[in-house]
């Protein structure tokens, strides 16, 4: 437990998850927010491995949400130009 106090918690990805939820893709962003909210609580409960695993999941869903939203925006732009 002494090692816990010398180690900092992993990145939560909470701010990024909120932004991609608002601007890109709602469903995947919500999953990112849920995972991001669990990171620090797991870390301070002593589940360091779980905190790093949850941080990785938050990063995965946040990144997926960003790229999915970007792709949907580009596809929608081209359909708009084509008048479909």
N, C-alpha and C. Protein backbone atom coordinates (compact mmCIF):
# COMPACT_ATOMS: atom_id res chain seq x y z
N UNK A 1 0.82 -1.19 0.00
CA UNK A 1 0.00 0.00 0.00
C UNK A 1 0.86 1.26 0.00
N UNK A 2 2.09 1.17 0.53
CA UNK A 2 2.98 2.31 0.55
C UNK A 2 3.34 2.75 -0.86
N UNK A 3 3.42 1.79 -1.77
CA UNK A 3 3.75 2.09 -3.16
C UNK A 3 2.62 2.88 -3.84
N UNK A 4 1.41 2.73 -3.37
CA UNK A 4 0.25 3.42 -3.93
C UNK A 4 0.39 4.93 -3.80
N UNK A 5 0.94 5.39 -2.70
CA UNK A 5 1.03 6.83 -2.46
C UNK A 5 2.14 7.49 -3.26
N UNK A 6 3.08 6.71 -3.76
CA UNK A 6 4.15 7.27 -4.57
C UNK A 6 3.79 7.27 -6.05
N UNK A 7 2.81 6.52 -6.42
CA UNK A 7 2.40 6.41 -7.81
C UNK A 7 1.21 7.32 -8.06
N UNK A 8 1.20 7.97 -9.21
CA UNK A 8 0.06 8.83 -9.54
C UNK A 8 -0.97 8.03 -10.33
N UNK A 9 -2.23 8.43 -10.25
CA UNK A 9 -3.26 7.69 -10.98
C UNK A 9 -3.09 7.84 -12.49
N UNK A 10 -3.57 6.89 -13.24
CA UNK A 10 -3.48 7.00 -14.70
C UNK A 10 -4.40 8.11 -15.23
N UNK A 11 -4.18 8.49 -16.46
CA UNK A 11 -5.01 9.52 -17.10
C UNK A 11 -6.45 9.05 -17.13
N UNK A 12 -7.37 9.95 -16.79
CA UNK A 12 -8.77 9.56 -16.72
C UNK A 12 -9.49 9.66 -18.05
N UNK A 13 -9.09 10.55 -18.94
CA UNK A 13 -9.74 10.78 -20.23
C UNK A 13 -11.14 11.36 -20.08
N UNK A 14 -11.46 11.93 -18.92
CA UNK A 14 -12.81 12.43 -18.69
C UNK A 14 -13.12 13.66 -19.54
N UNK A 15 -12.23 14.62 -19.59
CA UNK A 15 -12.49 15.83 -20.39
C UNK A 15 -12.63 15.50 -21.86
N UNK A 16 -11.76 14.63 -22.35
CA UNK A 16 -11.81 14.24 -23.76
C UNK A 16 -13.10 13.48 -24.06
N UNK A 17 -13.50 12.62 -23.14
CA UNK A 17 -14.73 11.84 -23.33
C UNK A 17 -15.95 12.74 -23.39
N UNK A 18 -15.98 13.74 -22.54
CA UNK A 18 -17.11 14.67 -22.54
C UNK A 18 -17.16 15.45 -23.85
N UNK A 19 -16.00 15.91 -24.31
CA UNK A 19 -15.96 16.69 -25.55
C UNK A 19 -16.39 15.87 -26.76
N UNK A 20 -15.89 14.64 -26.88
CA UNK A 20 -16.30 13.84 -28.04
C UNK A 20 -17.76 13.42 -27.94
N UNK A 21 -18.28 13.30 -26.73
CA UNK A 21 -19.70 12.99 -26.58
C UNK A 21 -20.55 14.16 -27.07
N UNK A 22 -20.14 15.37 -26.75
CA UNK A 22 -20.89 16.55 -27.16
C UNK A 22 -20.77 16.83 -28.65
N UNK A 23 -19.58 16.63 -29.22
CA UNK A 23 -19.33 17.08 -30.59
C UNK A 23 -19.25 15.97 -31.64
N UNK A 24 -19.07 14.72 -31.24
CA UNK A 24 -18.84 13.67 -32.24
C UNK A 24 -19.89 12.57 -32.22
N UNK A 25 -19.82 11.74 -31.23
CA UNK A 25 -20.64 10.53 -31.26
C UNK A 25 -21.15 10.23 -29.85
N UNK A 26 -22.44 10.38 -29.66
CA UNK A 26 -23.04 10.25 -28.33
C UNK A 26 -22.90 8.85 -27.72
N UNK A 27 -23.27 7.76 -28.40
CA UNK A 27 -23.24 6.45 -27.71
C UNK A 27 -21.85 6.01 -27.27
N UNK A 28 -20.86 6.12 -28.15
CA UNK A 28 -19.51 5.69 -27.78
C UNK A 28 -18.90 6.63 -26.76
N UNK A 29 -19.23 7.91 -26.84
CA UNK A 29 -18.72 8.87 -25.87
C UNK A 29 -19.23 8.61 -24.46
N UNK A 30 -20.47 8.17 -24.35
CA UNK A 30 -21.02 7.86 -23.03
C UNK A 30 -20.28 6.69 -22.40
N UNK A 31 -19.95 5.69 -23.20
CA UNK A 31 -19.17 4.56 -22.69
C UNK A 31 -17.79 5.06 -22.22
N UNK A 32 -17.20 5.99 -22.95
CA UNK A 32 -15.93 6.58 -22.54
C UNK A 32 -16.05 7.33 -21.23
N UNK A 33 -17.15 8.09 -21.05
CA UNK A 33 -17.35 8.83 -19.80
C UNK A 33 -17.51 7.88 -18.62
N UNK A 34 -18.27 6.81 -18.82
CA UNK A 34 -18.48 5.85 -17.73
C UNK A 34 -17.15 5.23 -17.30
N UNK A 35 -16.34 4.84 -18.27
CA UNK A 35 -15.03 4.26 -17.94
C UNK A 35 -14.11 5.30 -17.31
N UNK A 36 -14.13 6.53 -17.84
CA UNK A 36 -13.26 7.58 -17.30
C UNK A 36 -13.61 7.91 -15.85
N UNK A 37 -14.88 7.84 -15.52
CA UNK A 37 -15.31 8.17 -14.16
C UNK A 37 -14.85 7.12 -13.14
N UNK A 38 -14.54 5.94 -13.59
CA UNK A 38 -14.14 4.86 -12.68
C UNK A 38 -12.64 4.82 -12.39
N UNK A 39 -11.84 5.54 -13.15
CA UNK A 39 -10.38 5.40 -13.06
C UNK A 39 -9.86 5.78 -11.68
N UNK A 40 -10.13 7.00 -11.23
CA UNK A 40 -9.56 7.45 -9.95
C UNK A 40 -10.14 6.70 -8.76
N UNK A 41 -11.42 6.36 -8.82
CA UNK A 41 -12.00 5.64 -7.68
C UNK A 41 -11.36 4.27 -7.54
N UNK A 42 -11.11 3.60 -8.64
CA UNK A 42 -10.44 2.30 -8.56
C UNK A 42 -9.00 2.45 -8.06
N UNK A 43 -8.33 3.49 -8.54
CA UNK A 43 -6.94 3.70 -8.12
C UNK A 43 -6.85 3.94 -6.62
N UNK A 44 -7.68 4.83 -6.11
CA UNK A 44 -7.61 5.15 -4.68
C UNK A 44 -8.22 4.07 -3.80
N UNK A 45 -8.96 3.14 -4.39
CA UNK A 45 -9.45 1.98 -3.63
C UNK A 45 -8.39 0.89 -3.55
N UNK A 46 -7.27 1.10 -4.24
CA UNK A 46 -6.18 0.14 -4.20
C UNK A 46 -6.11 -0.79 -5.41
N UNK A 47 -7.04 -0.67 -6.32
CA UNK A 47 -7.07 -1.51 -7.52
C UNK A 47 -6.31 -0.80 -8.64
N UNK A 48 -4.99 -0.79 -8.53
CA UNK A 48 -4.15 -0.07 -9.48
C UNK A 48 -4.24 -0.70 -10.87
N UNK A 49 -4.21 -2.02 -10.93
CA UNK A 49 -4.33 -2.71 -12.23
C UNK A 49 -5.68 -2.38 -12.87
N UNK A 50 -6.74 -2.40 -12.09
CA UNK A 50 -8.07 -2.07 -12.60
C UNK A 50 -8.15 -0.63 -13.08
N UNK A 51 -7.46 0.26 -12.39
CA UNK A 51 -7.46 1.67 -12.79
C UNK A 51 -6.78 1.85 -14.15
N UNK A 52 -5.65 1.18 -14.34
CA UNK A 52 -4.97 1.27 -15.63
C UNK A 52 -5.78 0.61 -16.74
N UNK A 53 -6.44 -0.48 -16.43
CA UNK A 53 -7.30 -1.16 -17.42
C UNK A 53 -8.50 -0.29 -17.79
N UNK A 54 -9.11 0.35 -16.81
CA UNK A 54 -10.24 1.22 -17.06
C UNK A 54 -9.81 2.47 -17.83
N UNK A 55 -8.62 2.98 -17.54
CA UNK A 55 -8.09 4.12 -18.29
C UNK A 55 -7.88 3.75 -19.75
N UNK A 56 -7.36 2.55 -19.99
CA UNK A 56 -7.16 2.09 -21.37
C UNK A 56 -8.50 1.95 -22.09
N UNK A 57 -9.52 1.45 -21.39
CA UNK A 57 -10.85 1.35 -21.99
C UNK A 57 -11.44 2.72 -22.29
N UNK A 58 -11.25 3.66 -21.39
CA UNK A 58 -11.74 5.02 -21.62
C UNK A 58 -11.06 5.64 -22.84
N UNK A 59 -9.75 5.43 -22.96
CA UNK A 59 -9.02 5.95 -24.12
C UNK A 59 -9.54 5.30 -25.40
N UNK A 60 -9.78 3.98 -25.36
CA UNK A 60 -10.25 3.26 -26.55
C UNK A 60 -11.60 3.81 -27.01
N UNK A 61 -12.54 3.95 -26.09
CA UNK A 61 -13.88 4.41 -26.46
C UNK A 61 -13.90 5.87 -26.86
N UNK A 62 -13.07 6.68 -26.24
CA UNK A 62 -12.98 8.09 -26.60
C UNK A 62 -12.40 8.25 -28.00
N UNK A 63 -11.35 7.51 -28.29
CA UNK A 63 -10.72 7.56 -29.61
C UNK A 63 -11.68 7.02 -30.67
N UNK A 64 -12.34 5.92 -30.37
CA UNK A 64 -13.29 5.34 -31.31
C UNK A 64 -14.43 6.32 -31.59
N UNK A 65 -14.91 6.98 -30.57
CA UNK A 65 -15.98 7.96 -30.73
C UNK A 65 -15.53 9.12 -31.61
N UNK A 66 -14.31 9.59 -31.40
CA UNK A 66 -13.79 10.69 -32.21
C UNK A 66 -13.72 10.31 -33.68
N UNK A 67 -13.10 9.17 -33.97
CA UNK A 67 -12.93 8.77 -35.37
C UNK A 67 -14.26 8.43 -36.03
N UNK A 68 -15.17 7.82 -35.29
CA UNK A 68 -16.48 7.51 -35.84
C UNK A 68 -17.25 8.79 -36.16
N UNK A 69 -17.21 9.75 -35.26
CA UNK A 69 -17.87 11.03 -35.49
C UNK A 69 -17.26 11.80 -36.66
N UNK A 70 -15.93 11.76 -36.77
CA UNK A 70 -15.26 12.42 -37.88
C UNK A 70 -15.64 11.77 -39.21
N UNK A 71 -15.64 10.45 -39.25
CA UNK A 71 -16.01 9.73 -40.47
C UNK A 71 -17.46 10.03 -40.85
N UNK A 72 -18.35 10.04 -39.88
CA UNK A 72 -19.76 10.33 -40.17
C UNK A 72 -19.92 11.75 -40.68
N UNK A 73 -19.17 12.67 -40.13
CA UNK A 73 -19.23 14.06 -40.59
C UNK A 73 -18.73 14.21 -42.02
N UNK A 74 -17.65 13.52 -42.36
CA UNK A 74 -17.11 13.57 -43.72
C UNK A 74 -18.08 12.94 -44.71
N UNK A 75 -18.64 11.79 -44.35
CA UNK A 75 -19.61 11.13 -45.22
C UNK A 75 -20.85 12.00 -45.40
N UNK A 76 -21.33 12.60 -44.33
CA UNK A 76 -22.47 13.50 -44.42
C UNK A 76 -22.18 14.72 -45.28
N UNK A 77 -20.97 15.23 -45.20
CA UNK A 77 -20.56 16.37 -46.02
C UNK A 77 -20.61 16.02 -47.50
N UNK A 78 -20.05 14.84 -47.85
CA UNK A 78 -20.07 14.43 -49.25
C UNK A 78 -21.47 14.14 -49.75
N UNK A 79 -22.32 13.54 -48.92
CA UNK A 79 -23.71 13.32 -49.33
C UNK A 79 -24.42 14.67 -49.52
N UNK A 80 -24.09 15.65 -48.70
CA UNK A 80 -24.67 16.96 -48.85
C UNK A 80 -24.25 17.64 -50.15
N UNK A 81 -22.98 17.48 -50.51
CA UNK A 81 -22.49 18.04 -51.77
C UNK A 81 -23.17 17.35 -52.96
N UNK A 82 -23.33 16.04 -52.87
CA UNK A 82 -23.95 15.29 -53.96
C UNK A 82 -25.46 15.49 -54.03
N UNK A 83 -26.05 16.03 -52.99
CA UNK A 83 -27.48 16.29 -52.96
C UNK A 83 -28.32 15.05 -52.71
N UNK A 84 -27.72 14.08 -52.01
CA UNK A 84 -28.44 12.85 -51.72
C UNK A 84 -29.33 13.03 -50.52
